Structures are given as C-alpha cells and as structure tokens.
mmCIF file of all heavy atoms, coordinates in Angstrom:
data_MODEL
# 
_entry.id   MODEL 
# 
loop_
_atom_site.group_PDB 
_atom_site.id 
_atom_site.type_symbol 
_atom_site.label_atom_id 
_atom_site.label_alt_id 
_atom_site.label_comp_id 
_atom_site.label_asym_id 
_atom_site.label_entity_id 
_atom_site.label_seq_id 
_atom_site.pdbx_PDB_ins_code 
_atom_site.Cartn_x 
_atom_site.Cartn_y 
_atom_site.Cartn_z 
_atom_site.occupancy 
_atom_site.B_iso_or_equiv 
_atom_site.pdbx_formal_charge 
_atom_site.auth_seq_id 
_atom_site.auth_comp_id 
_atom_site.auth_asym_id 
_atom_site.auth_atom_id 
_atom_site.pdbx_PDB_model_num 
ATOM 1   N N   . CYS A 1 1  ? -89.226  152.156 -38.131  1.00 0.00 ? 1  CYS A N   1 
ATOM 2   C CA  . CYS A 1 1  ? -88.438  153.402 -38.174  1.00 0.00 ? 1  CYS A CA  1 
ATOM 3   C C   . CYS A 1 1  ? -89.064  154.406 -39.126  1.00 0.00 ? 1  CYS A C   1 
ATOM 4   O O   . CYS A 1 1  ? -89.633  154.059 -40.136  1.00 0.00 ? 1  CYS A O   1 
ATOM 5   C CB  . CYS A 1 1  ? -86.983  153.106 -38.562  1.00 0.00 ? 1  CYS A CB  1 
ATOM 6   S SG  . CYS A 1 1  ? -86.154  151.967 -37.456  1.00 0.00 ? 1  CYS A SG  1 
ATOM 7   N N   . SER A 1 2  ? -88.869  155.688 -38.797  1.00 0.00 ? 2  SER A N   1 
ATOM 8   C CA  . SER A 1 2  ? -89.480  156.717 -39.635  1.00 0.00 ? 2  SER A CA  1 
ATOM 9   C C   . SER A 1 2  ? -88.587  157.957 -39.672  1.00 0.00 ? 2  SER A C   1 
ATOM 10  O O   . SER A 1 2  ? -87.684  158.099 -38.830  1.00 0.00 ? 2  SER A O   1 
ATOM 11  C CB  . SER A 1 2  ? -90.879  157.102 -39.118  1.00 0.00 ? 2  SER A CB  1 
ATOM 12  O OG  . SER A 1 2  ? -90.778  157.619 -37.821  1.00 0.00 ? 2  SER A OG  1 
ATOM 13  N N   . GLY A 1 3  ? -88.810  158.812 -40.603  1.00 0.00 ? 3  GLY A N   1 
ATOM 14  C CA  . GLY A 1 3  ? -88.114  160.088 -40.712  1.00 0.00 ? 3  GLY A CA  1 
ATOM 15  C C   . GLY A 1 3  ? -88.970  161.066 -41.516  1.00 0.00 ? 3  GLY A C   1 
ATOM 16  O O   . GLY A 1 3  ? -89.989  160.690 -42.107  1.00 0.00 ? 3  GLY A O   1 
ATOM 17  N N   . SER A 1 4  ? -88.587  162.319 -41.534  1.00 0.00 ? 4  SER A N   1 
ATOM 18  C CA  . SER A 1 4  ? -89.402  163.288 -42.232  1.00 0.00 ? 4  SER A CA  1 
ATOM 19  C C   . SER A 1 4  ? -88.490  164.399 -42.754  1.00 0.00 ? 4  SER A C   1 
ATOM 20  O O   . SER A 1 4  ? -87.318  164.555 -42.295  1.00 0.00 ? 4  SER A O   1 
ATOM 21  C CB  . SER A 1 4  ? -90.473  163.893 -41.356  1.00 0.00 ? 4  SER A CB  1 
ATOM 22  O OG  . SER A 1 4  ? -89.914  164.611 -40.257  1.00 0.00 ? 4  SER A OG  1 
ATOM 23  N N   . THR A 1 5  ? -88.990  165.159 -43.697  1.00 0.00 ? 5  THR A N   1 
ATOM 24  C CA  . THR A 1 5  ? -88.244  166.329 -44.209  1.00 0.00 ? 5  THR A CA  1 
ATOM 25  C C   . THR A 1 5  ? -89.273  167.363 -44.747  1.00 0.00 ? 5  THR A C   1 
ATOM 26  O O   . THR A 1 5  ? -90.455  167.023 -44.959  1.00 0.00 ? 5  THR A O   1 
ATOM 27  C CB  . THR A 1 5  ? -87.281  165.913 -45.337  1.00 0.00 ? 5  THR A CB  1 
ATOM 28  O OG1 . THR A 1 5  ? -86.421  166.987 -45.641  1.00 0.00 ? 5  THR A OG1 1 
ATOM 29  C CG2 . THR A 1 5  ? -88.027  165.523 -46.596  1.00 0.00 ? 5  THR A CG2 1 
ATOM 30  N N   . VAL A 1 6  ? -88.804  168.563 -44.912  1.00 0.00 ? 6  VAL A N   1 
ATOM 31  C CA  . VAL A 1 6  ? -89.675  169.655 -45.414  1.00 0.00 ? 6  VAL A CA  1 
ATOM 32  C C   . VAL A 1 6  ? -89.077  170.199 -46.684  1.00 0.00 ? 6  VAL A C   1 
ATOM 33  O O   . VAL A 1 6  ? -87.862  170.435 -46.778  1.00 0.00 ? 6  VAL A O   1 
ATOM 34  C CB  . VAL A 1 6  ? -89.788  170.782 -44.339  1.00 0.00 ? 6  VAL A CB  1 
ATOM 35  C CG1 . VAL A 1 6  ? -90.599  171.921 -44.891  1.00 0.00 ? 6  VAL A CG1 1 
ATOM 36  C CG2 . VAL A 1 6  ? -90.369  170.265 -43.049  1.00 0.00 ? 6  VAL A CG2 1 
ATOM 37  N N   . ILE A 1 7  ? -89.918  170.404 -47.670  1.00 0.00 ? 7  ILE A N   1 
ATOM 38  C CA  . ILE A 1 7  ? -89.529  170.942 -48.972  1.00 0.00 ? 7  ILE A CA  1 
ATOM 39  C C   . ILE A 1 7  ? -90.242  172.263 -49.157  1.00 0.00 ? 7  ILE A C   1 
ATOM 40  O O   . ILE A 1 7  ? -91.442  172.366 -48.949  1.00 0.00 ? 7  ILE A O   1 
ATOM 41  C CB  . ILE A 1 7  ? -89.889  170.002 -50.114  1.00 0.00 ? 7  ILE A CB  1 
ATOM 42  C CG1 . ILE A 1 7  ? -89.356  168.597 -49.888  1.00 0.00 ? 7  ILE A CG1 1 
ATOM 43  C CG2 . ILE A 1 7  ? -89.368  170.545 -51.451  1.00 0.00 ? 7  ILE A CG2 1 
ATOM 44  C CD1 . ILE A 1 7  ? -90.338  167.668 -49.238  1.00 0.00 ? 7  ILE A CD1 1 
ATOM 45  N N   . THR A 1 8  ? -89.510  173.301 -49.551  1.00 0.00 ? 8  THR A N   1 
ATOM 46  C CA  . THR A 1 8  ? -90.090  174.618 -49.793  1.00 0.00 ? 8  THR A CA  1 
ATOM 47  C C   . THR A 1 8  ? -90.076  174.880 -51.307  1.00 0.00 ? 8  THR A C   1 
ATOM 48  O O   . THR A 1 8  ? -89.047  174.782 -51.966  1.00 0.00 ? 8  THR A O   1 
ATOM 49  C CB  . THR A 1 8  ? -89.304  175.713 -49.086  1.00 0.00 ? 8  THR A CB  1 
ATOM 50  O OG1 . THR A 1 8  ? -89.314  175.447 -47.672  1.00 0.00 ? 8  THR A OG1 1 
ATOM 51  C CG2 . THR A 1 8  ? -89.972  177.075 -49.334  1.00 0.00 ? 8  THR A CG2 1 
ATOM 52  N N   . ILE A 1 9  ? -91.261  175.191 -51.808  1.00 0.00 ? 9  ILE A N   1 
ATOM 53  C CA  . ILE A 1 9  ? -91.409  175.530 -53.241  1.00 0.00 ? 9  ILE A CA  1 
ATOM 54  C C   . ILE A 1 9  ? -91.796  177.013 -53.308  1.00 0.00 ? 9  ILE A C   1 
ATOM 55  O O   . ILE A 1 9  ? -92.817  177.399 -52.755  1.00 0.00 ? 9  ILE A O   1 
ATOM 56  C CB  . ILE A 1 9  ? -92.464  174.683 -53.952  1.00 0.00 ? 9  ILE A CB  1 
ATOM 57  C CG1 . ILE A 1 9  ? -92.139  173.188 -53.832  1.00 0.00 ? 9  ILE A CG1 1 
ATOM 58  C CG2 . ILE A 1 9  ? -92.561  175.069 -55.420  1.00 0.00 ? 9  ILE A CG2 1 
ATOM 59  C CD1 . ILE A 1 9  ? -90.846  172.786 -54.463  1.00 0.00 ? 9  ILE A CD1 1 
ATOM 60  N N   . GLY A 1 10 ? -91.001  177.796 -53.928  1.00 0.00 ? 10 GLY A N   1 
ATOM 61  C CA  . GLY A 1 10 ? -91.316  179.219 -54.151  1.00 0.00 ? 10 GLY A CA  1 
ATOM 62  C C   . GLY A 1 10 ? -92.191  179.379 -55.379  1.00 0.00 ? 10 GLY A C   1 
ATOM 63  O O   . GLY A 1 10 ? -92.049  178.619 -56.338  1.00 0.00 ? 10 GLY A O   1 
ATOM 64  N N   . ALA A 1 11 ? -93.066  180.344 -55.347  1.00 0.00 ? 11 ALA A N   1 
ATOM 65  C CA  . ALA A 1 11 ? -93.915  180.594 -56.501  1.00 0.00 ? 11 ALA A CA  1 
ATOM 66  C C   . ALA A 1 11 ? -93.658  182.024 -56.977  1.00 0.00 ? 11 ALA A C   1 
ATOM 67  O O   . ALA A 1 11 ? -93.742  182.995 -56.237  1.00 0.00 ? 11 ALA A O   1 
ATOM 68  C CB  . ALA A 1 11 ? -95.384  180.433 -56.119  1.00 0.00 ? 11 ALA A CB  1 
ATOM 69  N N   . SER A 1 12 ? -93.284  182.093 -58.241  1.00 0.00 ? 12 SER A N   1 
ATOM 70  C CA  . SER A 1 12 ? -93.005  183.429 -58.856  1.00 0.00 ? 12 SER A CA  1 
ATOM 71  C C   . SER A 1 12 ? -94.329  184.081 -59.264  1.00 0.00 ? 12 SER A C   1 
ATOM 72  O O   . SER A 1 12 ? -95.170  183.466 -59.863  1.00 0.00 ? 12 SER A O   1 
ATOM 73  C CB  . SER A 1 12 ? -92.087  183.240 -60.062  1.00 0.00 ? 12 SER A CB  1 
ATOM 74  O OG  . SER A 1 12 ? -91.896  184.474 -60.711  1.00 0.00 ? 12 SER A OG  1 
ATOM 75  N N   . THR A 1 13 ? -94.421  185.347 -58.925  1.00 0.00 ? 13 THR A N   1 
ATOM 76  C CA  . THR A 1 13 ? -95.626  186.102 -59.315  1.00 0.00 ? 13 THR A CA  1 
ATOM 77  C C   . THR A 1 13 ? -95.612  186.300 -60.828  1.00 0.00 ? 13 THR A C   1 
ATOM 78  O O   . THR A 1 13 ? -94.611  186.730 -61.388  1.00 0.00 ? 13 THR A O   1 
ATOM 79  C CB  . THR A 1 13 ? -95.664  187.479 -58.616  1.00 0.00 ? 13 THR A CB  1 
ATOM 80  O OG1 . THR A 1 13 ? -95.666  187.248 -57.221  1.00 0.00 ? 13 THR A OG1 1 
ATOM 81  C CG2 . THR A 1 13 ? -96.911  188.256 -59.027  1.00 0.00 ? 13 THR A CG2 1 
ATOM 82  N N   . ASN A 1 14 ? -96.705  185.976 -61.438  1.00 0.00 ? 14 ASN A N   1 
ATOM 83  C CA  . ASN A 1 14 ? -96.771  186.131 -62.870  1.00 0.00 ? 14 ASN A CA  1 
ATOM 84  C C   . ASN A 1 14 ? -96.766  187.621 -63.253  1.00 0.00 ? 14 ASN A C   1 
ATOM 85  O O   . ASN A 1 14 ? -97.274  188.466 -62.530  1.00 0.00 ? 14 ASN A O   1 
ATOM 86  C CB  . ASN A 1 14 ? -98.050  185.496 -63.427  1.00 0.00 ? 14 ASN A CB  1 
ATOM 87  C CG  . ASN A 1 14 ? -98.033  183.974 -63.271  1.00 0.00 ? 14 ASN A CG  1 
ATOM 88  O OD1 . ASN A 1 14 ? -96.954  183.394 -63.226  1.00 0.00 ? 14 ASN A OD1 1 
ATOM 89  N ND2 . ASN A 1 14 ? -99.166  183.380 -63.122  1.00 0.00 ? 14 ASN A ND2 1 
ATOM 90  N N   . PRO A 1 15 ? -96.197  187.967 -64.397  1.00 0.00 ? 15 PRO A N   1 
ATOM 91  C CA  . PRO A 1 15 ? -96.077  189.376 -64.789  1.00 0.00 ? 15 PRO A CA  1 
ATOM 92  C C   . PRO A 1 15 ? -97.436  189.979 -65.118  1.00 0.00 ? 15 PRO A C   1 
ATOM 93  O O   . PRO A 1 15 ? -98.360  189.291 -65.506  1.00 0.00 ? 15 PRO A O   1 
ATOM 94  C CB  . PRO A 1 15 ? -95.178  189.342 -65.995  1.00 0.00 ? 15 PRO A CB  1 
ATOM 95  C CG  . PRO A 1 15 ? -95.454  188.004 -66.619  1.00 0.00 ? 15 PRO A CG  1 
ATOM 96  C CD  . PRO A 1 15 ? -95.615  187.080 -65.454  1.00 0.00 ? 15 PRO A CD  1 
ATOM 97  N N   . SER A 1 16 ? -97.552  191.260 -64.872  1.00 0.00 ? 16 SER A N   1 
ATOM 98  C CA  . SER A 1 16 ? -98.750  191.985 -65.317  1.00 0.00 ? 16 SER A CA  1 
ATOM 99  C C   . SER A 1 16 ? -98.380  192.788 -66.569  1.00 0.00 ? 16 SER A C   1 
ATOM 100 O O   . SER A 1 16 ? -97.749  193.833 -66.485  1.00 0.00 ? 16 SER A O   1 
ATOM 101 C CB  . SER A 1 16 ? -99.251  192.893 -64.194  1.00 0.00 ? 16 SER A CB  1 
ATOM 102 O OG  . SER A 1 16 ? -100.354 193.642 -64.623  1.00 0.00 ? 16 SER A OG  1 
ATOM 103 N N   . VAL A 1 17 ? -98.790  192.269 -67.669  1.00 0.00 ? 17 VAL A N   1 
ATOM 104 C CA  . VAL A 1 17 ? -98.481  192.964 -68.949  1.00 0.00 ? 17 VAL A CA  1 
ATOM 105 C C   . VAL A 1 17 ? -99.423  194.112 -69.122  1.00 0.00 ? 17 VAL A C   1 
ATOM 106 O O   . VAL A 1 17 ? -100.641 193.957 -69.185  1.00 0.00 ? 17 VAL A O   1 
ATOM 107 C CB  . VAL A 1 17 ? -98.574  192.025 -70.143  1.00 0.00 ? 17 VAL A CB  1 
ATOM 108 C CG1 . VAL A 1 17 ? -98.230  192.759 -71.428  1.00 0.00 ? 17 VAL A CG1 1 
ATOM 109 C CG2 . VAL A 1 17 ? -97.630  190.833 -69.939  1.00 0.00 ? 17 VAL A CG2 1 
ATOM 110 N N   . GLY A 1 18 ? -98.882  195.319 -69.111  1.00 0.00 ? 18 GLY A N   1 
ATOM 111 C CA  . GLY A 1 18 ? -99.730  196.513 -69.235  1.00 0.00 ? 18 GLY A CA  1 
ATOM 112 C C   . GLY A 1 18 ? -100.386 196.604 -70.605  1.00 0.00 ? 18 GLY A C   1 
ATOM 113 O O   . GLY A 1 18 ? -99.970  195.948 -71.548  1.00 0.00 ? 18 GLY A O   1 
ATOM 114 N N   . SER A 1 19 ? -101.399 197.416 -70.683  1.00 0.00 ? 19 SER A N   1 
ATOM 115 C CA  . SER A 1 19 ? -102.115 197.558 -71.968  1.00 0.00 ? 19 SER A CA  1 
ATOM 116 C C   . SER A 1 19 ? -101.152 198.087 -72.983  1.00 0.00 ? 19 SER A C   1 
ATOM 117 O O   . SER A 1 19 ? -100.280 198.952 -72.743  1.00 0.00 ? 19 SER A O   1 
ATOM 118 C CB  . SER A 1 19 ? -103.262 198.560 -71.800  1.00 0.00 ? 19 SER A CB  1 
ATOM 119 O OG  . SER A 1 19 ? -104.204 198.072 -70.868  1.00 0.00 ? 19 SER A OG  1 
ATOM 120 N N   . VAL A 1 20 ? -101.276 197.562 -74.207  1.00 0.00 ? 20 VAL A N   1 
ATOM 121 C CA  . VAL A 1 20 ? -100.477 198.047 -75.317  1.00 0.00 ? 20 VAL A CA  1 
ATOM 122 C C   . VAL A 1 20 ? -100.894 199.422 -75.709  1.00 0.00 ? 20 VAL A C   1 
ATOM 123 O O   . VAL A 1 20 ? -102.103 199.667 -75.889  1.00 0.00 ? 20 VAL A O   1 
ATOM 124 C CB  . VAL A 1 20 ? -100.577 197.084 -76.506  1.00 0.00 ? 20 VAL A CB  1 
ATOM 125 C CG1 . VAL A 1 20 ? -99.778  197.649 -77.709  1.00 0.00 ? 20 VAL A CG1 1 
ATOM 126 C CG2 . VAL A 1 20 ? -100.068 195.699 -76.109  1.00 0.00 ? 20 VAL A CG2 1 
ATOM 127 N N   . THR A 1 21 ? -99.932  200.337 -75.772  1.00 0.00 ? 21 THR A N   1 
ATOM 128 C CA  . THR A 1 21 ? -100.283 201.717 -76.069  1.00 0.00 ? 21 THR A CA  1 
ATOM 129 C C   . THR A 1 21 ? -99.895  202.055 -77.502  1.00 0.00 ? 21 THR A C   1 
ATOM 130 O O   . THR A 1 21 ? -98.846  201.683 -77.968  1.00 0.00 ? 21 THR A O   1 
ATOM 131 C CB  . THR A 1 21 ? -99.581  202.696 -75.117  1.00 0.00 ? 21 THR A CB  1 
ATOM 132 O OG1 . THR A 1 21 ? -98.166  202.491 -75.216  1.00 0.00 ? 21 THR A OG1 1 
ATOM 133 C CG2 . THR A 1 21 ? -99.999  202.471 -73.674  1.00 0.00 ? 21 THR A CG2 1 
ATOM 134 N N   . SER A 1 22 ? -100.829 202.710 -78.202  1.00 0.00 ? 22 SER A N   1 
ATOM 135 C CA  . SER A 1 22 ? -100.556 203.130 -79.571  1.00 0.00 ? 22 SER A CA  1 
ATOM 136 C C   . SER A 1 22 ? -101.739 203.929 -80.074  1.00 0.00 ? 22 SER A C   1 
ATOM 137 O O   . SER A 1 22 ? -102.809 203.909 -79.465  1.00 0.00 ? 22 SER A O   1 
ATOM 138 C CB  . SER A 1 22 ? -100.300 201.937 -80.481  1.00 0.00 ? 22 SER A CB  1 
ATOM 139 O OG  . SER A 1 22 ? -100.227 202.383 -81.811  1.00 0.00 ? 22 SER A OG  1 
ATOM 140 N N   . GLN A 1 23 ? -101.582 204.591 -81.163  1.00 0.00 ? 23 GLN A N   1 
ATOM 141 C CA  . GLN A 1 23 ? -102.734 205.180 -81.849  1.00 0.00 ? 23 GLN A CA  1 
ATOM 142 C C   . GLN A 1 23 ? -103.547 203.983 -82.414  1.00 0.00 ? 23 GLN A C   1 
ATOM 143 O O   . GLN A 1 23 ? -103.006 202.940 -82.751  1.00 0.00 ? 23 GLN A O   1 
ATOM 144 C CB  . GLN A 1 23 ? -102.277 206.048 -83.006  1.00 0.00 ? 23 GLN A CB  1 
ATOM 145 C CG  . GLN A 1 23 ? -101.490 205.330 -84.104  1.00 0.00 ? 23 GLN A CG  1 
ATOM 146 C CD  . GLN A 1 23 ? -100.564 206.240 -84.852  1.00 0.00 ? 23 GLN A CD  1 
ATOM 147 O OE1 . GLN A 1 23 ? -99.521  206.549 -84.382  1.00 0.00 ? 23 GLN A OE1 1 
ATOM 148 N NE2 . GLN A 1 23 ? -100.964 206.656 -86.044  1.00 0.00 ? 23 GLN A NE2 1 
ATOM 149 N N   . SER A 1 24 ? -104.860 204.170 -82.426  1.00 0.00 ? 24 SER A N   1 
ATOM 150 C CA  . SER A 1 24 ? -105.718 203.045 -82.871  1.00 0.00 ? 24 SER A CA  1 
ATOM 151 C C   . SER A 1 24 ? -106.051 203.105 -84.332  1.00 0.00 ? 24 SER A C   1 
ATOM 152 O O   . SER A 1 24 ? -106.548 202.123 -84.891  1.00 0.00 ? 24 SER A O   1 
ATOM 153 C CB  . SER A 1 24 ? -106.974 202.997 -82.054  1.00 0.00 ? 24 SER A CB  1 
ATOM 154 O OG  . SER A 1 24 ? -107.699 204.246 -82.208  1.00 0.00 ? 24 SER A OG  1 
ATOM 155 N N   . LEU A 1 25 ? -105.874 204.256 -84.963  1.00 0.00 ? 25 LEU A N   1 
ATOM 156 C CA  . LEU A 1 25 ? -106.223 204.412 -86.368  1.00 0.00 ? 25 LEU A CA  1 
ATOM 157 C C   . LEU A 1 25 ? -105.040 204.911 -87.177  1.00 0.00 ? 25 LEU A C   1 
ATOM 158 O O   . LEU A 1 25 ? -104.319 205.784 -86.741  1.00 0.00 ? 25 LEU A O   1 
ATOM 159 C CB  . LEU A 1 25 ? -107.388 205.366 -86.556  1.00 0.00 ? 25 LEU A CB  1 
ATOM 160 C CG  . LEU A 1 25 ? -108.680 205.061 -85.813  1.00 0.00 ? 25 LEU A CG  1 
ATOM 161 C CD1 . LEU A 1 25 ? -109.689 206.145 -86.007  1.00 0.00 ? 25 LEU A CD1 1 
ATOM 162 C CD2 . LEU A 1 25 ? -109.232 203.692 -86.279  1.00 0.00 ? 25 LEU A CD2 1 
ATOM 163 N N   . ILE A 1 26 ? -104.813 204.316 -88.318  1.00 0.00 ? 26 ILE A N   1 
ATOM 164 C CA  . ILE A 1 26 ? -103.813 204.807 -89.243  1.00 0.00 ? 26 ILE A CA  1 
ATOM 165 C C   . ILE A 1 26 ? -104.395 204.851 -90.648  1.00 0.00 ? 26 ILE A C   1 
ATOM 166 O O   . ILE A 1 26 ? -105.458 204.263 -90.926  1.00 0.00 ? 26 ILE A O   1 
ATOM 167 C CB  . ILE A 1 26 ? -102.537 203.923 -89.275  1.00 0.00 ? 26 ILE A CB  1 
ATOM 168 C CG1 . ILE A 1 26 ? -102.863 202.513 -89.762  1.00 0.00 ? 26 ILE A CG1 1 
ATOM 169 C CG2 . ILE A 1 26 ? -101.852 203.860 -87.896  1.00 0.00 ? 26 ILE A CG2 1 
ATOM 170 C CD1 . ILE A 1 26 ? -101.645 201.652 -89.941  1.00 0.00 ? 26 ILE A CD1 1 
ATOM 171 N N   . CYS A 1 27 ? -103.783 205.577 -91.520  1.00 0.00 ? 27 CYS A N   1 
ATOM 172 C CA  . CYS A 1 27 ? -104.297 205.719 -92.904  1.00 0.00 ? 27 CYS A CA  1 
ATOM 173 C C   . CYS A 1 27 ? -103.264 205.163 -93.883  1.00 0.00 ? 27 CYS A C   1 
ATOM 174 O O   . CYS A 1 27 ? -102.054 205.128 -93.633  1.00 0.00 ? 27 CYS A O   1 
ATOM 175 C CB  . CYS A 1 27 ? -104.524 207.206 -93.222  1.00 0.00 ? 27 CYS A CB  1 
ATOM 176 S SG  . CYS A 1 27 ? -105.721 208.004 -92.128  1.00 0.00 ? 27 CYS A SG  1 
ATOM 177 N N   . SER A 1 28 ? -103.786 204.715 -95.027  1.00 0.00 ? 28 SER A N   1 
ATOM 178 C CA  . SER A 1 28 ? -102.868 204.227 -96.058  1.00 0.00 ? 28 SER A CA  1 
ATOM 179 C C   . SER A 1 28 ? -102.639 205.263 -97.143  1.00 0.00 ? 28 SER A C   1 
ATOM 180 O O   . SER A 1 28 ? -101.692 205.109 -97.978  1.00 0.00 ? 28 SER A O   1 
ATOM 181 C CB  . SER A 1 28 ? -103.491 202.960 -96.697  1.00 0.00 ? 28 SER A CB  1 
ATOM 182 O OG  . SER A 1 28 ? -104.704 203.267 -97.316  1.00 0.00 ? 28 SER A OG  1 
ATOM 183 N N   . LEU A 1 29 ? -103.486 206.287 -97.201  1.00 0.00 ? 29 LEU A N   1 
ATOM 184 C CA  . LEU A 1 29 ? -103.335 207.337 -98.208  1.00 0.00 ? 29 LEU A CA  1 
ATOM 185 C C   . LEU A 1 29 ? -103.314 208.696 -97.521  1.00 0.00 ? 29 LEU A C   1 
ATOM 186 O O   . LEU A 1 29 ? -103.968 208.890 -96.472  1.00 0.00 ? 29 LEU A O   1 
ATOM 187 C CB  . LEU A 1 29 ? -104.490 207.310 -99.245  1.00 0.00 ? 29 LEU A CB  1 
ATOM 188 C CG  . LEU A 1 29 ? -104.593 206.007 -100.090 1.00 0.00 ? 29 LEU A CG  1 
ATOM 189 C CD1 . LEU A 1 29 ? -105.878 206.064 -100.881 1.00 0.00 ? 29 LEU A CD1 1 
ATOM 190 C CD2 . LEU A 1 29 ? -103.366 205.894 -101.000 1.00 0.00 ? 29 LEU A CD2 1 
ATOM 191 N N   . PRO A 1 30 ? -102.555 209.601 -97.998  1.00 0.00 ? 30 PRO A N   1 
ATOM 192 C CA  . PRO A 1 30 ? -101.739 209.501 -99.254  1.00 0.00 ? 30 PRO A CA  1 
ATOM 193 C C   . PRO A 1 30 ? -100.445 208.714 -99.064  1.00 0.00 ? 30 PRO A C   1 
ATOM 194 O O   . PRO A 1 30 ? -99.833  208.297 -99.995  1.00 0.00 ? 30 PRO A O   1 
ATOM 195 C CB  . PRO A 1 30 ? -101.430 210.959 -99.605  1.00 0.00 ? 30 PRO A CB  1 
ATOM 196 C CG  . PRO A 1 30 ? -101.437 211.639 -98.266  1.00 0.00 ? 30 PRO A CG  1 
ATOM 197 C CD  . PRO A 1 30 ? -102.486 210.962 -97.453  1.00 0.00 ? 30 PRO A CD  1 
# 
C-alpha cells in the first residue's frame, strides 16, 4: 500500500537595505 502528499514551502524575499545616507565628514572643532 502507498500514499502521497504535497507540501508547499513559501520563501520570503530578503529585504534590500538601501545605502545608509549621511554626510561623510564631521568636525570636532570648534
């Protein structure tokens, strides 16, 4: 005797983390 079944696995799309935006230079003085 035999039987069968089907399993569905969904795959979540990984996030696309955008480039971090900011000024690249800062000063300590004054």
